[in-house]
Amino acid sequence: MFKKGEKVIAGFTEEIGIVAQVDKGHEQLEVEYPDGSYRVIGFSNVRRVEDK
């Protein structure tokens, strides 16, 4: 499960954003990008950024 504040890669853009809100009921996340924009996206289109 995703958590607020976690770094993720959303969609096919390969842009890294931060989880702003999690909606478990609809299986969606609101992701905030570095430029200040937000995007709502389904769990299946998001993957975690692995710390190396």
Protein backbone atom coordinates (compact mmCIF):
# COMPACT_ATOMS: atom_id res chain seq x y z
CA MET A 1 0.00 0.00 0.00
CA PHE A 2 1.17 3.51 -0.75
CA LYS A 3 1.68 6.10 1.98
CA LYS A 4 1.47 9.89 2.00
CA GLY A 5 4.90 11.44 1.39
CA GLU A 6 6.29 8.42 -0.47
CA LYS A 7 8.22 8.96 -3.74
CA VAL A 8 6.60 7.31 -6.74
CA ILE A 9 6.84 7.16 -10.52
CA ALA A 10 3.38 7.75 -11.99
CA GLY A 11 2.24 6.61 -15.41
CA PHE A 12 4.45 6.34 -18.45
CA THR A 13 6.01 9.80 -18.12
CA GLU A 14 8.73 8.48 -15.77
CA GLU A 15 8.26 11.65 -13.69
CA ILE A 16 8.94 11.27 -9.99
CA GLY A 17 6.37 12.73 -7.63
CA ILE A 18 5.29 12.58 -3.99
CA VAL A 19 2.07 10.92 -2.84
CA ALA A 20 -0.19 13.74 -1.57
CA GLN A 21 -3.30 11.68 -0.82
CA VAL A 22 -4.37 8.02 -0.90
CA ASP A 23 -7.93 6.95 -1.74
CA LYS A 24 -8.08 3.24 -0.86
CA GLY A 25 -11.77 2.93 -1.76
CA HIS A 26 -11.24 3.97 -5.38
CA GLU A 27 -7.65 2.64 -5.55
CA GLN A 28 -6.30 6.04 -6.58
CA LEU A 29 -3.48 8.34 -5.53
CA GLU A 30 -3.06 12.06 -5.83
CA VAL A 31 0.55 12.70 -6.83
CA GLU A 32 2.30 16.08 -6.47
CA TYR A 33 5.09 16.87 -8.92
CA PRO A 34 8.09 19.17 -8.33
CA ASP A 35 6.51 21.94 -10.45
CA GLY A 36 3.57 22.08 -8.00
CA SER A 37 1.04 20.30 -10.21
CA TYR A 38 -1.12 17.39 -9.05
CA ARG A 39 -2.44 14.31 -10.82
CA VAL A 40 -4.91 11.62 -9.74
CA ILE A 41 -3.88 8.18 -10.95
CA GLY A 42 -4.84 4.56 -10.26
CA PHE A 43 -2.69 2.24 -8.16
CA SER A 44 -1.93 0.03 -11.18
CA ASN A 45 -0.19 2.93 -12.98
CA VAL A 46 2.14 3.84 -10.11
CA ARG A 47 5.35 2.27 -8.88
CA ARG A 48 7.61 3.07 -5.95
CA VAL A 49 10.99 4.74 -6.34
CA GLU A 50 13.57 2.32 -5.04
CA ASP A 51 16.26 3.89 -2.84
CA LYS A 52 19.71 2.71 -3.85
